[in-house]
Amino acid sequence: HTYWGGDYMPTIARLRPGATLRQADTEIRFLQPQIATLFPWKMPKTWNPDLAAISLQTGLIGDVRERLLILLVAVVLVLLIACANVANLTLSRASIREKEIAIRASMGAARHRIIRQLITESVLMASFGGALGLFLADLGLTLLKSTLPADTPGILSVAIDWRVLLFAAVLVVFTGIASGVA
């Protein structure tokens, strides 16, 4: 009598309201011997020893979550380094323009007009930086998709969508105004 003991047969079920994953795990282990009798052939007693109830997310994503979190931390650290560098460049640029701003103020330019000009310049520069960042993100995403294994869960659905663009636009405007005021 042959059986497909080496094959994999996932079962997906919904927990009843109020049930926990631990309860489902206990229940499925209790039901396993009864399920084994439903097969048209005799299943060995050691059939499916690592049976466990896991969440659908864990089953689909598996151990990719850890790698993605490490990648996220690395990206955040690079972003923080880039932000610190841009802040230093902005501050050094502001110290160079100190005389220009003092001359404008002494010639009668209102304070709010000087601030408006500085914010406009800063938002414009941040917009160029944001556009470059989105271009590099798209390039990096394409590179990442080509280097990761094709069976990486969800890799085909990863894309830069309107939410990413909206977040980037809000961040660009906020950063431009903050650095312009500073």
C-alpha atoms as a PDB file:
ATOM      1  CA  HIS A   1       0.000   0.000   0.000  1.00  0.00           C
ATOM      2  CA  THR A   2       1.438   3.319  -1.009  1.00  0.00           C
ATOM      3  CA  TYR A   3       0.550   6.681   0.413  1.00  0.00           C
ATOM      4  CA  TRP A   4       1.649  10.222  -0.273  1.00  0.00           C
ATOM      5  CA  GLY A   5       3.418  10.693   3.032  1.00  0.00           C
ATOM      6  CA  GLY A   6       6.102  12.853   1.455  1.00  0.00           C
ATOM      7  CA  ASP A   7       3.628  15.194  -0.193  1.00  0.00           C
ATOM      8  CA  TYR A   8       2.311  18.385   1.277  1.00  0.00           C
ATOM      9  CA  MET A   9      -1.398  19.022   1.658  1.00  0.00           C
ATOM     10  CA  PRO A  10      -2.170  22.365   3.300  1.00  0.00           C
ATOM     11  CA  THR A  11      -5.550  22.878   4.866  1.00  0.00           C
ATOM     12  CA  ILE A  12      -6.947  26.352   5.362  1.00  0.00           C
ATOM     13  CA  ALA A  13      -9.631  26.958   7.949  1.00  0.00           C
ATOM     14  CA  ARG A  14     -11.174  29.905   9.722  1.00  0.00           C
ATOM     15  CA  LEU A  15     -11.126  30.069  13.507  1.00  0.00           C
ATOM     16  CA  ARG A  16     -14.499  30.287  15.133  1.00  0.00           C
ATOM     17  CA  PRO A  17     -15.135  33.578  16.948  1.00  0.00           C
ATOM     18  CA  GLY A  18     -13.268  33.706  20.249  1.00  0.00           C
ATOM     19  CA  ALA A  19     -11.019  30.737  19.440  1.00  0.00           C
ATOM     20  CA  THR A  20      -7.250  31.035  19.678  1.00  0.00           C
ATOM     21  CA  LEU A  21      -4.559  29.533  17.506  1.00  0.00           C
ATOM     22  CA  ARG A  22      -3.410  27.410  20.454  1.00  0.00           C
ATOM     23  CA  GLN A  23      -6.911  25.923  20.818  1.00  0.00           C
ATOM     24  CA  ALA A  24      -7.012  25.152  17.093  1.00  0.00           C
ATOM     25  CA  ASP A  25      -3.593  23.497  17.327  1.00  0.00           C
ATOM     26  CA  THR A  26      -4.764  21.285  20.199  1.00  0.00           C
ATOM     27  CA  GLU A  27      -7.994  20.434  18.391  1.00  0.00           C
ATOM     28  CA  ILE A  28      -6.300  19.506  15.116  1.00  0.00           C
ATOM     29  CA  ARG A  29      -3.819  17.265  16.911  1.00  0.00           C
ATOM     30  CA  PHE A  30      -6.747  15.552  18.623  1.00  0.00           C
ATOM     31  CA  LEU A  31      -8.545  15.087  15.278  1.00  0.00           C
ATOM     32  CA  GLN A  32      -5.489  13.861  13.356  1.00  0.00           C
ATOM     33  CA  PRO A  33      -5.980  10.130  14.141  1.00  0.00           C
ATOM     34  CA  GLN A  34      -9.620  10.375  13.058  1.00  0.00           C
ATOM     35  CA  ILE A  35      -8.626  12.122   9.820  1.00  0.00           C
ATOM     36  CA  ALA A  36      -6.072   9.394   9.103  1.00  0.00           C
ATOM     37  CA  THR A  37      -8.873   6.787   9.110  1.00  0.00           C
ATOM     38  CA  LEU A  38     -10.670   8.653   6.309  1.00  0.00           C
ATOM     39  CA  PHE A  39      -7.956   7.835   3.759  1.00  0.00           C
ATOM     40  CA  PRO A  40      -8.624   4.887   1.438  1.00  0.00           C
ATOM     41  CA  TRP A  41      -5.374   3.276   2.592  1.00  0.00           C
ATOM     42  CA  LYS A  42      -3.845   2.723   5.978  1.00  0.00           C
ATOM     43  CA  MET A  43      -1.708   5.633   7.116  1.00  0.00           C
ATOM     44  CA  PRO A  44       1.327   4.953   9.317  1.00  0.00           C
ATOM     45  CA  LYS A  45       1.120   5.968  12.970  1.00  0.00           C
ATOM     46  CA  THR A  46       3.925   8.474  12.410  1.00  0.00           C
ATOM     47  CA  TRP A  47       1.939  10.231   9.673  1.00  0.00           C
ATOM     48  CA  ASN A  48       2.213  14.011   9.815  1.00  0.00           C
ATOM     49  CA  PRO A  49       4.148  14.308  13.100  1.00  0.00           C
ATOM     50  CA  ASP A  50       4.822  18.055  12.709  1.00  0.00           C
ATOM     51  CA  LEU A  51       1.164  18.951  12.262  1.00  0.00           C
ATOM     52  CA  ALA A  52       0.460  22.433  13.599  1.00  0.00           C
ATOM     53  CA  ALA A  53      -2.103  25.167  13.256  1.00  0.00           C
ATOM     54  CA  ILE A  54      -0.439  28.374  12.099  1.00  0.00           C
ATOM     55  CA  SER A  55      -1.799  31.697  10.944  1.00  0.00           C
ATOM     56  CA  LEU A  56      -2.336  32.161   7.219  1.00  0.00           C
ATOM     57  CA  GLN A  57       0.126  35.051   7.205  1.00  0.00           C
ATOM     58  CA  THR A  58       2.843  32.860   8.742  1.00  0.00           C
ATOM     59  CA  GLY A  59       2.067  30.106   6.268  1.00  0.00           C
ATOM     60  CA  LEU A  60       2.303  32.417   3.277  1.00  0.00           C
ATOM     61  CA  ILE A  61       5.219  34.586   4.332  1.00  0.00           C
ATOM     62  CA  GLY A  62       7.198  32.176   6.494  1.00  0.00           C
ATOM     63  CA  ASP A  63      10.669  33.351   7.450  1.00  0.00           C
ATOM     64  CA  VAL A  64      10.750  36.177   4.883  1.00  0.00           C
ATOM     65  CA  ARG A  65       9.462  38.603   7.535  1.00  0.00           C
ATOM     66  CA  GLU A  66      12.788  38.643   9.392  1.00  0.00           C
ATOM     67  CA  ARG A  67      14.747  39.358   6.220  1.00  0.00           C
ATOM     68  CA  LEU A  68      12.365  42.132   5.237  1.00  0.00           C
ATOM     69  CA  LEU A  69      12.627  43.706   8.703  1.00  0.00           C
ATOM     70  CA  ILE A  70      16.428  43.640   8.472  1.00  0.00           C
ATOM     71  CA  LEU A  71      16.175  45.278   5.044  1.00  0.00           C
ATOM     72  CA  LEU A  72      13.798  47.893   6.465  1.00  0.00           C
ATOM     73  CA  VAL A  73      16.198  48.730   9.305  1.00  0.00           C
ATOM     74  CA  ALA A  74      19.087  49.052   6.838  1.00  0.00           C
ATOM     75  CA  VAL A  75      17.047  51.374   4.613  1.00  0.00           C
ATOM     76  CA  VAL A  76      16.011  53.514   7.591  1.00  0.00           C
ATOM     77  CA  LEU A  77      19.640  53.835   8.722  1.00  0.00           C
ATOM     78  CA  VAL A  78      20.759  54.878   5.226  1.00  0.00           C
ATOM     79  CA  LEU A  79      17.869  57.358   5.119  1.00  0.00           C
ATOM     80  CA  LEU A  80      18.902  58.841   8.476  1.00  0.00           C
ATOM     81  CA  ILE A  81      22.489  59.235   7.273  1.00  0.00           C
ATOM     82  CA  ALA A  82      21.256  60.930   4.096  1.00  0.00           C
ATOM     83  CA  CYS A  83      18.994  63.257   6.120  1.00  0.00           C
ATOM     84  CA  ALA A  84      21.877  64.221   8.401  1.00  0.00           C
ATOM     85  CA  ASN A  85      24.051  65.010   5.379  1.00  0.00           C
ATOM     86  CA  VAL A  86      21.332  67.114   3.758  1.00  0.00           C
ATOM     87  CA  ALA A  87      20.738  68.967   7.035  1.00  0.00           C
ATOM     88  CA  ASN A  88      24.457  69.769   7.270  1.00  0.00           C
ATOM     89  CA  LEU A  89      24.492  71.013   3.662  1.00  0.00           C
ATOM     90  CA  THR A  90      21.403  73.145   4.288  1.00  0.00           C
ATOM     91  CA  LEU A  91      22.914  74.696   7.410  1.00  0.00           C
ATOM     92  CA  SER A  92      26.200  75.448   5.656  1.00  0.00           C
ATOM     93  CA  ARG A  93      24.278  76.975   2.726  1.00  0.00           C
ATOM     94  CA  ALA A  94      22.273  79.109   5.158  1.00  0.00           C
ATOM     95  CA  SER A  95      25.421  80.446   6.798  1.00  0.00           C
ATOM     96  CA  ILE A  96      26.808  81.428   3.372  1.00  0.00           C
ATOM     97  CA  ARG A  97      23.564  83.254   2.492  1.00  0.00           C
ATOM     98  CA  GLU A  98      23.480  85.133   5.814  1.00  0.00           C
ATOM     99  CA  LYS A  99      24.972  88.297   4.272  1.00  0.00           C
ATOM    100  CA  GLU A 100      22.554  88.168   1.315  1.00  0.00           C
ATOM    101  CA  ILE A 101      19.565  87.958   3.650  1.00  0.00           C
ATOM    102  CA  ALA A 102      20.915  90.777   5.809  1.00  0.00           C
ATOM    103  CA  ILE A 103      21.299  92.990   2.702  1.00  0.00           C
ATOM    104  CA  ARG A 104      17.740  92.195   1.581  1.00  0.00           C
ATOM    105  CA  ALA A 105      16.401  93.069   5.020  1.00  0.00           C
ATOM    106  CA  SER A 106      18.388  96.329   5.156  1.00  0.00           C
ATOM    107  CA  MET A 107      17.031  97.296   1.707  1.00  0.00           C
ATOM    108  CA  GLY A 108      13.472  97.007   3.040  1.00  0.00           C
ATOM    109  CA  ALA A 109      12.386  93.472   2.225  1.00  0.00           C
ATOM    110  CA  ALA A 110       9.752  92.337   4.684  1.00  0.00           C
ATOM    111  CA  ARG A 111      10.602  89.412   6.910  1.00  0.00           C
ATOM    112  CA  HIS A 112       7.677  87.321   5.631  1.00  0.00           C
ATOM    113  CA  ARG A 113       8.810  87.837   1.991  1.00  0.00           C
ATOM    114  CA  ILE A 114      12.336  86.648   2.814  1.00  0.00           C
ATOM    115  CA  ILE A 115      10.934  83.620   4.635  1.00  0.00           C
ATOM    116  CA  ARG A 116       8.561  82.897   1.733  1.00  0.00           C
ATOM    117  CA  GLN A 117      11.461  83.038  -0.738  1.00  0.00           C
ATOM    118  CA  LEU A 118      13.593  80.710   1.389  1.00  0.00           C
ATOM    119  CA  ILE A 119      10.706  78.246   1.837  1.00  0.00           C
ATOM    120  CA  THR A 120       9.953  78.299  -1.902  1.00  0.00           C
ATOM    121  CA  GLU A 121      13.587  77.576  -2.758  1.00  0.00           C
ATOM    122  CA  SER A 122      13.752  74.862  -0.144  1.00  0.00           C
ATOM    123  CA  VAL A 123      10.519  73.153  -1.295  1.00  0.00           C
ATOM    124  CA  LEU A 124      11.732  73.303  -4.903  1.00  0.00           C
ATOM    125  CA  MET A 125      15.045  71.677  -3.954  1.00  0.00           C
ATOM    126  CA  ALA A 126      13.219  69.072  -1.843  1.00  0.00           C
ATOM    127  CA  SER A 127      10.940  68.332  -4.823  1.00  0.00           C
ATOM    128  CA  PHE A 128      13.929  67.615  -7.047  1.00  0.00           C
ATOM    129  CA  GLY A 129      15.357  65.406  -4.309  1.00  0.00           C
ATOM    130  CA  GLY A 130      12.027  63.619  -3.866  1.00  0.00           C
ATOM    131  CA  ALA A 131      11.722  62.994  -7.607  1.00  0.00           C
ATOM    132  CA  LEU A 132      15.264  61.609  -7.678  1.00  0.00           C
ATOM    133  CA  GLY A 133      14.459  59.476  -4.635  1.00  0.00           C
ATOM    134  CA  LEU A 134      11.346  58.041  -6.277  1.00  0.00           C
ATOM    135  CA  PHE A 135      13.309  57.275  -9.438  1.00  0.00           C
ATOM    136  CA  LEU A 136      15.991  55.494  -7.401  1.00  0.00           C
ATOM    137  CA  ALA A 137      13.311  53.668  -5.392  1.00  0.00           C
ATOM    138  CA  ASP A 138      11.706  52.395  -8.600  1.00  0.00           C
ATOM    139  CA  LEU A 139      15.106  51.349  -9.918  1.00  0.00           C
ATOM    140  CA  GLY A 140      15.936  49.638  -6.609  1.00  0.00           C
ATOM    141  CA  LEU A 141      12.576  47.871  -6.543  1.00  0.00           C
ATOM    142  CA  THR A 142      13.156  46.528 -10.042  1.00  0.00           C
ATOM    143  CA  LEU A 143      16.629  45.357  -9.019  1.00  0.00           C
ATOM    144  CA  LEU A 144      15.289  43.782  -5.818  1.00  0.00           C
ATOM    145  CA  LYS A 145      12.555  41.924  -7.713  1.00  0.00           C
ATOM    146  CA  SER A 146      15.113  40.558 -10.166  1.00  0.00           C
ATOM    147  CA  THR A 147      17.508  39.352  -7.457  1.00  0.00           C
ATOM    148  CA  LEU A 148      15.033  37.823  -4.997  1.00  0.00           C
ATOM    149  CA  PRO A 149      13.848  34.282  -5.654  1.00  0.00           C
ATOM    150  CA  ALA A 150      10.718  34.141  -7.832  1.00  0.00           C
ATOM    151  CA  ASP A 151       8.857  32.210  -5.126  1.00  0.00           C
ATOM    152  CA  THR A 152       9.295  35.001  -2.547  1.00  0.00           C
ATOM    153  CA  PRO A 153       5.777  35.505  -1.178  1.00  0.00           C
ATOM    154  CA  GLY A 154       4.092  38.654  -2.451  1.00  0.00           C
ATOM    155  CA  ILE A 155       7.066  39.867  -4.503  1.00  0.00           C
ATOM    156  CA  LEU A 156       4.978  40.362  -7.636  1.00  0.00           C
ATOM    157  CA  SER A 157       2.478  42.606  -5.838  1.00  0.00           C
ATOM    158  CA  VAL A 158       5.120  44.999  -4.461  1.00  0.00           C
ATOM    159  CA  ALA A 159       4.923  48.300  -6.324  1.00  0.00           C
ATOM    160  CA  ILE A 160       5.083  52.042  -5.905  1.00  0.00           C
ATOM    161  CA  ASP A 161       1.418  53.047  -5.827  1.00  0.00           C
ATOM    162  CA  TRP A 162      -0.510  56.251  -5.141  1.00  0.00           C
ATOM    163  CA  ARG A 163      -0.102  55.868  -1.354  1.00  0.00           C
ATOM    164  CA  VAL A 164       3.679  55.838  -1.684  1.00  0.00           C
ATOM    165  CA  LEU A 165       3.554  58.851  -4.001  1.00  0.00           C
ATOM    166  CA  LEU A 166       1.228  60.726  -1.613  1.00  0.00           C
ATOM    167  CA  PHE A 167       3.466  59.923   1.363  1.00  0.00           C
ATOM    168  CA  ALA A 168       6.550  61.050  -0.563  1.00  0.00           C
ATOM    169  CA  ALA A 169       4.821  64.294  -1.648  1.00  0.00           C
ATOM    170  CA  VAL A 170       3.738  65.132   1.910  1.00  0.00           C
ATOM    171  CA  LEU A 171       7.220  64.321   3.198  1.00  0.00           C
ATOM    172  CA  VAL A 172       8.852  66.463   0.493  1.00  0.00           C
ATOM    173  CA  VAL A 173       6.651  69.481   1.275  1.00  0.00           C
ATOM    174  CA  PHE A 174       7.094  69.092   5.041  1.00  0.00           C
ATOM    175  CA  THR A 175      10.863  68.704   4.702  1.00  0.00           C
ATOM    176  CA  GLY A 176      11.077  71.669   2.345  1.00  0.00           C
ATOM    177  CA  ILE A 177       9.108  73.934   4.682  1.00  0.00           C
ATOM    178  CA  ALA A 178      11.013  72.750   7.778  1.00  0.00           C
ATOM    179  CA  SER A 179      14.433  73.291   6.214  1.00  0.00           C
ATOM    180  CA  GLY A 180      13.338  76.612   4.654  1.00  0.00           C
ATOM    181  CA  VAL A 181      12.204  77.953   8.022  1.00  0.00           C
ATOM    182  CA  ALA A 182      15.363  76.666   9.711  1.00  0.00           C
END
